[in-house]
Amino acid sequence: MAEKYGPSTEWDILLRMDNMKKVLVAEDDEGFRVLVTEILKDEGYSIISTTNGLEAWNRLKQEGADLAILDINMPEMDGLQLLKKIRTDEQYKNIPVLLLTVKAFTEDQVSGYETGADDYLVKPFETDILLARLKVLERRILKK
């Protein structure tokens, strides 16, 4: 990280770490999970990486997060079930959520938005689009 930003003091590093947004990534497909995680890490995000909705819910309750990226089709608890839990939880109901899924039909997207998603991105995706959408969701956090 120091090469990207030039020489840093320990204090500079701590300040950057304090400003890192923590993103919960819930994705059962290892390839996509690794891809999303690496893209976000390269942009300076702190990541909580999980393989299913139930694990994601438990990690969110334990560790908290600023944003969430959820797949819809996952074992144990799917992304829409997880999103419903998030939206009904007093502590996390306002967390920005992006659904990242192969479900491209209009009715799938409408269902995601009606369940409480803030944004919806279909796989495969362009890295720049994913990052731009996360920046929009971050701005929503800063307004609070």
C-alpha atoms as a PDB file:
ATOM      1  CA  MET A   1       0.000   0.000   0.000  1.00  0.00           C
ATOM      2  CA  ALA A   2       2.868   2.383   0.734  1.00  0.00           C
ATOM      3  CA  GLU A   3       4.098   2.217  -2.885  1.00  0.00           C
ATOM      4  CA  LYS A   4       0.722   3.326  -4.221  1.00  0.00           C
ATOM      5  CA  TYR A   5       0.452   6.303  -1.891  1.00  0.00           C
ATOM      6  CA  GLY A   6       4.127   7.154  -1.418  1.00  0.00           C
ATOM      7  CA  PRO A   7       6.061   6.977   1.846  1.00  0.00           C
ATOM      8  CA  SER A   8       3.818   6.712   4.868  1.00  0.00           C
ATOM      9  CA  THR A   9       4.168   7.066   8.561  1.00  0.00           C
ATOM     10  CA  GLU A  10       2.513   4.642  10.897  1.00  0.00           C
ATOM     11  CA  TRP A  11      -0.045   7.364  11.655  1.00  0.00           C
ATOM     12  CA  ASP A  12      -0.875   7.806   7.939  1.00  0.00           C
ATOM     13  CA  ILE A  13      -1.475   4.070   7.611  1.00  0.00           C
ATOM     14  CA  LEU A  14      -3.712   4.041  10.696  1.00  0.00           C
ATOM     15  CA  LEU A  15      -5.723   6.992   9.345  1.00  0.00           C
ATOM     16  CA  ARG A  16      -6.241   5.229   6.008  1.00  0.00           C
ATOM     17  CA  MET A  17      -7.242   2.014   7.762  1.00  0.00           C
ATOM     18  CA  ASP A  18      -9.721   3.949   9.911  1.00  0.00           C
ATOM     19  CA  ASN A  19     -11.283   5.426   6.761  1.00  0.00           C
ATOM     20  CA  MET A  20     -11.507   2.074   4.948  1.00  0.00           C
ATOM     21  CA  LYS A  21     -15.041   1.033   4.232  1.00  0.00           C
ATOM     22  CA  LYS A  22     -15.766  -2.505   5.360  1.00  0.00           C
ATOM     23  CA  VAL A  23     -17.657  -4.513   2.729  1.00  0.00           C
ATOM     24  CA  LEU A  24     -19.500  -7.742   3.430  1.00  0.00           C
ATOM     25  CA  VAL A  25     -19.241  -9.998   0.364  1.00  0.00           C
ATOM     26  CA  ALA A  26     -21.603 -12.995   0.329  1.00  0.00           C
ATOM     27  CA  GLU A  27     -20.929 -15.180  -2.701  1.00  0.00           C
ATOM     28  CA  ASP A  28     -20.937 -18.974  -2.919  1.00  0.00           C
ATOM     29  CA  ASP A  29     -19.057 -19.163  -6.243  1.00  0.00           C
ATOM     30  CA  GLU A  30     -15.373 -19.187  -5.314  1.00  0.00           C
ATOM     31  CA  GLY A  31     -14.218 -17.623  -8.574  1.00  0.00           C
ATOM     32  CA  PHE A  32     -16.549 -14.635  -8.318  1.00  0.00           C
ATOM     33  CA  ARG A  33     -15.917 -14.281  -4.569  1.00  0.00           C
ATOM     34  CA  VAL A  34     -12.148 -14.134  -5.101  1.00  0.00           C
ATOM     35  CA  LEU A  35     -12.547 -11.741  -8.051  1.00  0.00           C
ATOM     36  CA  VAL A  36     -14.793  -9.324  -6.147  1.00  0.00           C
ATOM     37  CA  THR A  37     -12.620  -9.536  -3.039  1.00  0.00           C
ATOM     38  CA  GLU A  38      -9.435  -8.767  -4.984  1.00  0.00           C
ATOM     39  CA  ILE A  39     -11.028  -5.875  -6.885  1.00  0.00           C
ATOM     40  CA  LEU A  40     -12.230  -4.326  -3.639  1.00  0.00           C
ATOM     41  CA  LYS A  41      -8.971  -4.892  -1.764  1.00  0.00           C
ATOM     42  CA  ASP A  42      -7.065  -3.239  -4.620  1.00  0.00           C
ATOM     43  CA  GLU A  43      -9.320  -0.190  -4.150  1.00  0.00           C
ATOM     44  CA  GLY A  44      -8.599  -0.027  -0.421  1.00  0.00           C
ATOM     45  CA  TYR A  45     -11.743  -1.654   0.967  1.00  0.00           C
ATOM     46  CA  SER A  46     -11.655  -3.940   3.980  1.00  0.00           C
ATOM     47  CA  ILE A  47     -13.450  -7.208   3.179  1.00  0.00           C
ATOM     48  CA  ILE A  48     -15.523  -9.751   5.078  1.00  0.00           C
ATOM     49  CA  SER A  49     -15.757 -12.657   2.628  1.00  0.00           C
ATOM     50  CA  THR A  50     -18.428 -15.326   3.145  1.00  0.00           C
ATOM     51  CA  THR A  51     -19.723 -18.324   1.201  1.00  0.00           C
ATOM     52  CA  ASN A  52     -23.422 -18.278   2.090  1.00  0.00           C
ATOM     53  CA  GLY A  53     -26.158 -16.097   3.523  1.00  0.00           C
ATOM     54  CA  LEU A  54     -26.164 -17.634   6.988  1.00  0.00           C
ATOM     55  CA  GLU A  55     -22.414 -17.161   7.398  1.00  0.00           C
ATOM     56  CA  ALA A  56     -22.772 -13.606   6.075  1.00  0.00           C
ATOM     57  CA  TRP A  57     -25.524 -12.808   8.586  1.00  0.00           C
ATOM     58  CA  ASN A  58     -23.473 -14.173  11.487  1.00  0.00           C
ATOM     59  CA  ARG A  59     -20.333 -12.277  10.426  1.00  0.00           C
ATOM     60  CA  LEU A  60     -22.321  -9.066   9.937  1.00  0.00           C
ATOM     61  CA  LYS A  61     -23.716  -9.351  13.468  1.00  0.00           C
ATOM     62  CA  GLN A  62     -20.238 -10.071  14.884  1.00  0.00           C
ATOM     63  CA  GLU A  63     -18.080  -7.670  12.864  1.00  0.00           C
ATOM     64  CA  GLY A  64     -20.394  -5.090  11.305  1.00  0.00           C
ATOM     65  CA  ALA A  65     -19.962  -3.633   7.806  1.00  0.00           C
ATOM     66  CA  ASP A  66     -20.472  -0.372   5.946  1.00  0.00           C
ATOM     67  CA  LEU A  67     -21.720  -1.918   2.689  1.00  0.00           C
ATOM     68  CA  ALA A  68     -22.845  -5.343   1.496  1.00  0.00           C
ATOM     69  CA  ILE A  69     -22.549  -7.157  -1.828  1.00  0.00           C
ATOM     70  CA  LEU A  70     -24.822 -10.184  -1.935  1.00  0.00           C
ATOM     71  CA  ASP A  71     -25.301 -12.970  -4.443  1.00  0.00           C
ATOM     72  CA  ILE A  72     -28.898 -14.166  -4.659  1.00  0.00           C
ATOM     73  CA  ASN A  73     -28.383 -17.910  -5.216  1.00  0.00           C
ATOM     74  CA  MET A  74     -26.557 -19.207  -2.150  1.00  0.00           C
ATOM     75  CA  PRO A  75     -26.910 -22.233   0.120  1.00  0.00           C
ATOM     76  CA  GLU A  76     -28.271 -22.148   3.692  1.00  0.00           C
ATOM     77  CA  MET A  77     -29.779 -18.659   3.257  1.00  0.00           C
ATOM     78  CA  ASP A  78     -30.125 -16.986  -0.128  1.00  0.00           C
ATOM     79  CA  GLY A  79     -29.333 -13.351  -0.797  1.00  0.00           C
ATOM     80  CA  LEU A  80     -32.951 -12.194  -0.718  1.00  0.00           C
ATOM     81  CA  GLN A  81     -33.546 -13.909   2.637  1.00  0.00           C
ATOM     82  CA  LEU A  82     -30.377 -12.280   3.960  1.00  0.00           C
ATOM     83  CA  LEU A  83     -31.475  -8.912   2.595  1.00  0.00           C
ATOM     84  CA  LYS A  84     -34.836  -9.266   4.390  1.00  0.00           C
ATOM     85  CA  LYS A  85     -33.013  -9.987   7.665  1.00  0.00           C
ATOM     86  CA  ILE A  86     -30.764  -6.970   7.156  1.00  0.00           C
ATOM     87  CA  ARG A  87     -33.705  -4.661   6.385  1.00  0.00           C
ATOM     88  CA  THR A  88     -35.601  -5.758   9.502  1.00  0.00           C
ATOM     89  CA  ASP A  89     -32.614  -5.510  11.855  1.00  0.00           C
ATOM     90  CA  GLU A  90     -32.525  -2.215  13.754  1.00  0.00           C
ATOM     91  CA  GLN A  91     -28.735  -1.976  13.695  1.00  0.00           C
ATOM     92  CA  TYR A  92     -28.201  -2.790   9.999  1.00  0.00           C
ATOM     93  CA  LYS A  93     -31.451  -1.791   8.279  1.00  0.00           C
ATOM     94  CA  ASN A  94     -29.825   1.214   6.568  1.00  0.00           C
ATOM     95  CA  ILE A  95     -26.674  -0.492   5.294  1.00  0.00           C
ATOM     96  CA  PRO A  96     -26.334  -0.027   1.514  1.00  0.00           C
ATOM     97  CA  VAL A  97     -26.761  -3.352  -0.307  1.00  0.00           C
ATOM     98  CA  LEU A  98     -25.774  -4.240  -3.855  1.00  0.00           C
ATOM     99  CA  LEU A  99     -27.123  -7.493  -5.283  1.00  0.00           C
ATOM    100  CA  LEU A 100     -24.570  -9.094  -7.629  1.00  0.00           C
ATOM    101  CA  THR A 101     -26.141 -12.027  -9.445  1.00  0.00           C
ATOM    102  CA  VAL A 102     -26.623 -13.945 -12.684  1.00  0.00           C
ATOM    103  CA  LYS A 103     -30.370 -13.342 -12.445  1.00  0.00           C
ATOM    104  CA  ALA A 104     -30.844 -10.879 -15.305  1.00  0.00           C
ATOM    105  CA  PHE A 105     -34.609 -10.964 -15.881  1.00  0.00           C
ATOM    106  CA  THR A 106     -36.571  -7.821 -15.158  1.00  0.00           C
ATOM    107  CA  GLU A 107     -38.741  -9.592 -12.585  1.00  0.00           C
ATOM    108  CA  ASP A 108     -35.625 -10.734 -10.695  1.00  0.00           C
ATOM    109  CA  GLN A 109     -34.313  -7.182 -10.558  1.00  0.00           C
ATOM    110  CA  VAL A 110     -37.687  -5.794  -9.486  1.00  0.00           C
ATOM    111  CA  SER A 111     -37.880  -8.452  -6.765  1.00  0.00           C
ATOM    112  CA  GLY A 112     -34.417  -7.466  -5.539  1.00  0.00           C
ATOM    113  CA  TYR A 113     -35.322  -3.794  -5.371  1.00  0.00           C
ATOM    114  CA  GLU A 114     -38.676  -4.543  -3.714  1.00  0.00           C
ATOM    115  CA  THR A 115     -36.880  -6.631  -1.090  1.00  0.00           C
ATOM    116  CA  GLY A 116     -34.689  -3.653  -0.243  1.00  0.00           C
ATOM    117  CA  ALA A 117     -31.637  -3.695  -2.507  1.00  0.00           C
ATOM    118  CA  ASP A 118     -30.087  -0.311  -3.202  1.00  0.00           C
ATOM    119  CA  ASP A 119     -28.550  -1.496  -6.454  1.00  0.00           C
ATOM    120  CA  TYR A 120     -28.465  -4.559  -8.685  1.00  0.00           C
ATOM    121  CA  LEU A 121     -25.615  -5.683 -10.927  1.00  0.00           C
ATOM    122  CA  VAL A 122     -25.749  -8.676 -13.244  1.00  0.00           C
ATOM    123  CA  LYS A 123     -22.803 -11.077 -13.637  1.00  0.00           C
ATOM    124  CA  PRO A 124     -20.584 -10.948 -15.541  1.00  0.00           C
ATOM    125  CA  PHE A 125     -19.844  -7.325 -14.754  1.00  0.00           C
ATOM    126  CA  GLU A 126     -17.353  -4.635 -15.676  1.00  0.00           C
ATOM    127  CA  THR A 127     -14.980  -3.797 -12.826  1.00  0.00           C
ATOM    128  CA  ASP A 128     -15.379  -0.062 -13.380  1.00  0.00           C
ATOM    129  CA  ILE A 129     -19.162  -0.331 -13.129  1.00  0.00           C
ATOM    130  CA  LEU A 130     -18.956  -2.295  -9.859  1.00  0.00           C
ATOM    131  CA  LEU A 131     -16.596   0.287  -8.362  1.00  0.00           C
ATOM    132  CA  ALA A 132     -18.688   3.225  -9.582  1.00  0.00           C
ATOM    133  CA  ARG A 133     -21.808   1.753  -8.023  1.00  0.00           C
ATOM    134  CA  LEU A 134     -20.010   1.176  -4.726  1.00  0.00           C
ATOM    135  CA  LYS A 135     -18.866   4.805  -4.722  1.00  0.00           C
ATOM    136  CA  VAL A 136     -22.497   5.892  -5.150  1.00  0.00           C
ATOM    137  CA  LEU A 137     -23.486   3.704  -2.193  1.00  0.00           C
ATOM    138  CA  GLU A 138     -20.611   5.165  -0.166  1.00  0.00           C
ATOM    139  CA  ARG A 139     -21.904   8.666  -0.793  1.00  0.00           C
ATOM    140  CA  ARG A 140     -25.168   7.516   0.745  1.00  0.00           C
ATOM    141  CA  ILE A 141     -23.282   6.575   3.922  1.00  0.00           C
ATOM    142  CA  LEU A 142     -21.566   9.952   4.085  1.00  0.00           C
ATOM    143  CA  LYS A 143     -24.905  11.786   3.965  1.00  0.00           C
ATOM    144  CA  LYS A 144     -25.981  10.195   7.249  1.00  0.00           C
END
